[in-house]
Amino acid sequence: MAKIVVDVMLKPEILDPQGQAVGAALPRLGFTFATSVRQGKRFEIEIDGEATQAMLAEVSRAAETLLANPVIENFVVRVEK
């Protein structure tokens, strides 16, 4: 069994109000480490067997079709050990 992870983030030029809200709240709570915050989504997909290049390509097509909005989001597909 393998785990494929799809990380989805807003494109850099797209405003991220949720990330901005978190970034503004951190210093009010005493956390001063962040210069900016962006929020994203993470999908964990478990499959039987090895994660082949064909399987990664299929997951990438699924991400482009369902998991991400390619107009405003970028995504990365990777295998997690």
N, C-alpha and C. Protein backbone atom coordinates (compact mmCIF):
# COMPACT_ATOMS: atom_id res chain seq x y z
N MET A 1 0.85 -1.17 0.00
CA MET A 1 0.00 0.00 0.00
C MET A 1 0.90 1.24 0.00
N ALA A 2 0.47 2.26 -0.75
CA ALA A 2 1.21 3.51 -0.82
C ALA A 2 0.26 4.66 -0.55
N LYS A 3 0.83 5.78 -0.12
CA LYS A 3 0.04 6.98 0.11
C LYS A 3 0.49 8.06 -0.84
N ILE A 4 -0.45 8.58 -1.62
CA ILE A 4 -0.18 9.70 -2.52
C ILE A 4 -0.81 10.94 -1.90
N VAL A 5 -0.04 12.02 -1.86
CA VAL A 5 -0.51 13.27 -1.27
C VAL A 5 -0.64 14.31 -2.37
N VAL A 6 -1.76 15.02 -2.35
CA VAL A 6 -1.96 16.15 -3.26
C VAL A 6 -2.07 17.40 -2.39
N ASP A 7 -1.11 18.30 -2.54
CA ASP A 7 -1.13 19.59 -1.84
C ASP A 7 -1.64 20.64 -2.81
N VAL A 8 -2.68 21.37 -2.39
CA VAL A 8 -3.30 22.39 -3.23
C VAL A 8 -3.14 23.74 -2.54
N MET A 9 -2.63 24.72 -3.29
CA MET A 9 -2.45 26.08 -2.75
C MET A 9 -2.97 27.09 -3.75
N LEU A 10 -3.48 28.20 -3.23
CA LEU A 10 -3.86 29.30 -4.11
C LEU A 10 -2.62 29.79 -4.84
N LYS A 11 -2.80 30.21 -6.08
CA LYS A 11 -1.68 30.80 -6.83
C LYS A 11 -1.22 32.06 -6.10
N PRO A 12 0.07 32.40 -6.21
CA PRO A 12 0.60 33.55 -5.45
C PRO A 12 -0.14 34.86 -5.71
N GLU A 13 -0.66 35.04 -6.91
CA GLU A 13 -1.32 36.32 -7.24
C GLU A 13 -2.76 36.39 -6.75
N ILE A 14 -3.28 35.29 -6.19
CA ILE A 14 -4.66 35.26 -5.69
C ILE A 14 -4.66 35.63 -4.20
N LEU A 15 -5.53 36.56 -3.83
CA LEU A 15 -5.65 36.95 -2.43
C LEU A 15 -6.11 35.76 -1.59
N ASP A 16 -5.61 35.68 -0.37
CA ASP A 16 -5.94 34.58 0.54
C ASP A 16 -6.46 35.16 1.86
N PRO A 17 -7.75 35.51 1.93
CA PRO A 17 -8.27 36.13 3.14
C PRO A 17 -8.16 35.25 4.38
N GLN A 18 -8.30 33.93 4.23
CA GLN A 18 -8.17 33.06 5.40
C GLN A 18 -6.73 33.06 5.91
N GLY A 19 -5.78 32.99 4.99
CA GLY A 19 -4.38 33.06 5.39
C GLY A 19 -4.06 34.38 6.05
N GLN A 20 -4.61 35.47 5.52
CA GLN A 20 -4.38 36.79 6.10
C GLN A 20 -4.97 36.88 7.51
N ALA A 21 -6.14 36.28 7.71
CA ALA A 21 -6.76 36.30 9.04
C ALA A 21 -5.91 35.54 10.04
N VAL A 22 -5.39 34.40 9.64
CA VAL A 22 -4.52 33.63 10.53
C VAL A 22 -3.23 34.42 10.79
N GLY A 23 -2.68 35.02 9.74
CA GLY A 23 -1.45 35.81 9.90
C GLY A 23 -1.64 36.98 10.84
N ALA A 24 -2.82 37.58 10.83
CA ALA A 24 -3.11 38.70 11.73
C ALA A 24 -3.35 38.23 13.16
N ALA A 25 -3.91 37.02 13.32
CA ALA A 25 -4.22 36.51 14.65
C ALA A 25 -2.98 36.01 15.39
N LEU A 26 -1.99 35.49 14.67
CA LEU A 26 -0.81 34.93 15.33
C LEU A 26 -0.13 35.91 16.28
N PRO A 27 0.20 37.13 15.86
CA PRO A 27 0.87 38.04 16.80
C PRO A 27 -0.02 38.44 17.99
N ARG A 28 -1.32 38.52 17.75
CA ARG A 28 -2.22 38.83 18.87
C ARG A 28 -2.20 37.74 19.92
N LEU A 29 -1.85 36.51 19.51
CA LEU A 29 -1.78 35.39 20.43
C LEU A 29 -0.36 35.15 20.95
N GLY A 30 0.56 36.05 20.59
CA GLY A 30 1.91 35.95 21.09
C GLY A 30 2.88 35.21 20.19
N PHE A 31 2.47 34.82 19.00
CA PHE A 31 3.35 34.12 18.07
C PHE A 31 3.88 35.13 17.05
N THR A 32 5.19 35.33 17.05
CA THR A 32 5.77 36.37 16.21
C THR A 32 6.68 35.82 15.12
N PHE A 33 6.60 34.55 14.83
CA PHE A 33 7.53 33.92 13.88
C PHE A 33 7.14 34.13 12.43
N ALA A 34 5.89 34.43 12.11
CA ALA A 34 5.43 34.43 10.72
C ALA A 34 5.48 35.81 10.09
N THR A 35 5.98 35.86 8.87
CA THR A 35 5.92 37.11 8.11
C THR A 35 4.71 37.13 7.18
N SER A 36 4.20 35.96 6.80
CA SER A 36 2.95 35.85 6.05
C SER A 36 2.44 34.42 6.17
N VAL A 37 1.16 34.25 5.92
CA VAL A 37 0.53 32.93 6.01
C VAL A 37 -0.38 32.74 4.80
N ARG A 38 -0.32 31.56 4.20
CA ARG A 38 -1.24 31.17 3.13
C ARG A 38 -1.83 29.83 3.51
N GLN A 39 -3.10 29.68 3.25
CA GLN A 39 -3.80 28.44 3.59
C GLN A 39 -3.98 27.59 2.34
N GLY A 40 -3.94 26.27 2.52
CA GLY A 40 -4.15 25.36 1.41
C GLY A 40 -4.94 24.14 1.83
N LYS A 41 -4.96 23.16 0.94
CA LYS A 41 -5.66 21.91 1.20
C LYS A 41 -4.68 20.76 0.98
N ARG A 42 -4.89 19.67 1.70
CA ARG A 42 -4.08 18.47 1.56
C ARG A 42 -5.01 17.27 1.43
N PHE A 43 -4.79 16.47 0.40
CA PHE A 43 -5.55 15.25 0.19
C PHE A 43 -4.59 14.07 0.31
N GLU A 44 -4.94 13.08 1.11
CA GLU A 44 -4.15 11.85 1.25
C GLU A 44 -4.94 10.72 0.61
N ILE A 45 -4.33 10.07 -0.38
CA ILE A 45 -4.99 9.02 -1.14
C ILE A 45 -4.19 7.74 -0.98
N GLU A 46 -4.80 6.74 -0.38
CA GLU A 46 -4.13 5.44 -0.22
C GLU A 46 -4.50 4.55 -1.39
N ILE A 47 -3.50 3.84 -1.92
CA ILE A 47 -3.71 2.93 -3.04
C ILE A 47 -3.11 1.58 -2.70
N ASP A 48 -3.58 0.55 -3.36
CA ASP A 48 -2.98 -0.78 -3.23
C ASP A 48 -1.74 -0.82 -4.11
N GLY A 49 -0.71 -1.46 -3.63
CA GLY A 49 0.50 -1.63 -4.43
C GLY A 49 1.38 -0.40 -4.46
N GLU A 50 2.28 -0.38 -5.43
CA GLU A 50 3.24 0.71 -5.58
C GLU A 50 2.61 1.89 -6.31
N ALA A 51 3.13 3.07 -6.03
CA ALA A 51 2.69 4.28 -6.73
C ALA A 51 3.53 4.42 -8.00
N THR A 52 2.99 3.94 -9.10
CA THR A 52 3.70 4.00 -10.37
C THR A 52 3.53 5.37 -11.01
N GLN A 53 4.31 5.63 -12.05
CA GLN A 53 4.19 6.89 -12.78
C GLN A 53 2.80 7.00 -13.39
N ALA A 54 2.25 5.90 -13.87
CA ALA A 54 0.90 5.92 -14.44
C ALA A 54 -0.14 6.29 -13.38
N MET A 55 0.03 5.75 -12.18
CA MET A 55 -0.90 6.06 -11.09
C MET A 55 -0.78 7.54 -10.70
N LEU A 56 0.45 8.05 -10.62
CA LEU A 56 0.65 9.46 -10.29
C LEU A 56 0.03 10.36 -11.37
N ALA A 57 0.14 9.96 -12.62
CA ALA A 57 -0.46 10.73 -13.70
C ALA A 57 -1.98 10.73 -13.58
N GLU A 58 -2.55 9.59 -13.19
CA GLU A 58 -4.00 9.50 -13.01
C GLU A 58 -4.47 10.37 -11.85
N VAL A 59 -3.72 10.36 -10.75
CA VAL A 59 -4.06 11.21 -9.60
C VAL A 59 -3.92 12.67 -9.99
N SER A 60 -2.92 12.99 -10.78
CA SER A 60 -2.75 14.37 -11.25
C SER A 60 -3.94 14.82 -12.09
N ARG A 61 -4.44 13.94 -12.95
CA ARG A 61 -5.64 14.27 -13.74
C ARG A 61 -6.85 14.47 -12.82
N ALA A 62 -6.96 13.65 -11.79
CA ALA A 62 -8.06 13.80 -10.83
C ALA A 62 -7.94 15.12 -10.07
N ALA A 63 -6.71 15.48 -9.72
CA ALA A 63 -6.49 16.75 -9.01
C ALA A 63 -6.90 17.93 -9.89
N GLU A 64 -6.52 17.87 -11.15
CA GLU A 64 -6.85 18.95 -12.07
C GLU A 64 -8.35 19.04 -12.33
N THR A 65 -9.04 17.89 -12.28
CA THR A 65 -10.46 17.84 -12.57
C THR A 65 -11.33 18.12 -11.35
N LEU A 66 -10.92 17.59 -10.18
CA LEU A 66 -11.81 17.61 -9.01
C LEU A 66 -11.21 18.29 -7.78
N LEU A 67 -9.96 18.01 -7.47
CA LEU A 67 -9.39 18.43 -6.19
C LEU A 67 -8.95 19.89 -6.17
N ALA A 68 -8.58 20.44 -7.33
CA ALA A 68 -8.09 21.81 -7.40
C ALA A 68 -8.84 22.56 -8.49
N ASN A 69 -8.88 23.86 -8.36
CA ASN A 69 -9.39 24.74 -9.39
C ASN A 69 -8.19 25.34 -10.10
N PRO A 70 -7.80 24.81 -11.26
CA PRO A 70 -6.55 25.23 -11.90
C PRO A 70 -6.53 26.71 -12.30
N VAL A 71 -7.66 27.37 -12.31
CA VAL A 71 -7.69 28.79 -12.62
C VAL A 71 -7.04 29.60 -11.49
N ILE A 72 -7.28 29.19 -10.25
CA ILE A 72 -6.77 29.98 -9.11
C ILE A 72 -5.85 29.19 -8.18
N GLU A 73 -5.69 27.88 -8.42
CA GLU A 73 -4.87 27.05 -7.51
C GLU A 73 -3.81 26.27 -8.28
N ASN A 74 -2.70 26.04 -7.60
CA ASN A 74 -1.66 25.13 -8.06
C ASN A 74 -1.73 23.88 -7.19
N PHE A 75 -1.24 22.75 -7.72
CA PHE A 75 -1.20 21.56 -6.90
C PHE A 75 0.08 20.78 -7.19
N VAL A 76 0.47 19.98 -6.20
CA VAL A 76 1.63 19.10 -6.31
C VAL A 76 1.20 17.71 -5.90
N VAL A 77 1.55 16.73 -6.69
CA VAL A 77 1.25 15.33 -6.38
C VAL A 77 2.56 14.65 -6.00
N ARG A 78 2.57 13.96 -4.86
CA ARG A 78 3.80 13.29 -4.41
C ARG A 78 3.45 12.03 -3.65
N VAL A 79 4.42 11.17 -3.55
CA VAL A 79 4.27 9.94 -2.78
C VAL A 79 4.86 10.20 -1.40
N GLU A 80 4.10 9.86 -0.37
CA GLU A 80 4.58 10.02 1.01
C GLU A 80 5.10 8.68 1.50
N LYS A 81 6.25 8.69 2.08
CA LYS A 81 6.86 7.46 2.60
C LYS A 81 6.21 7.07 3.90
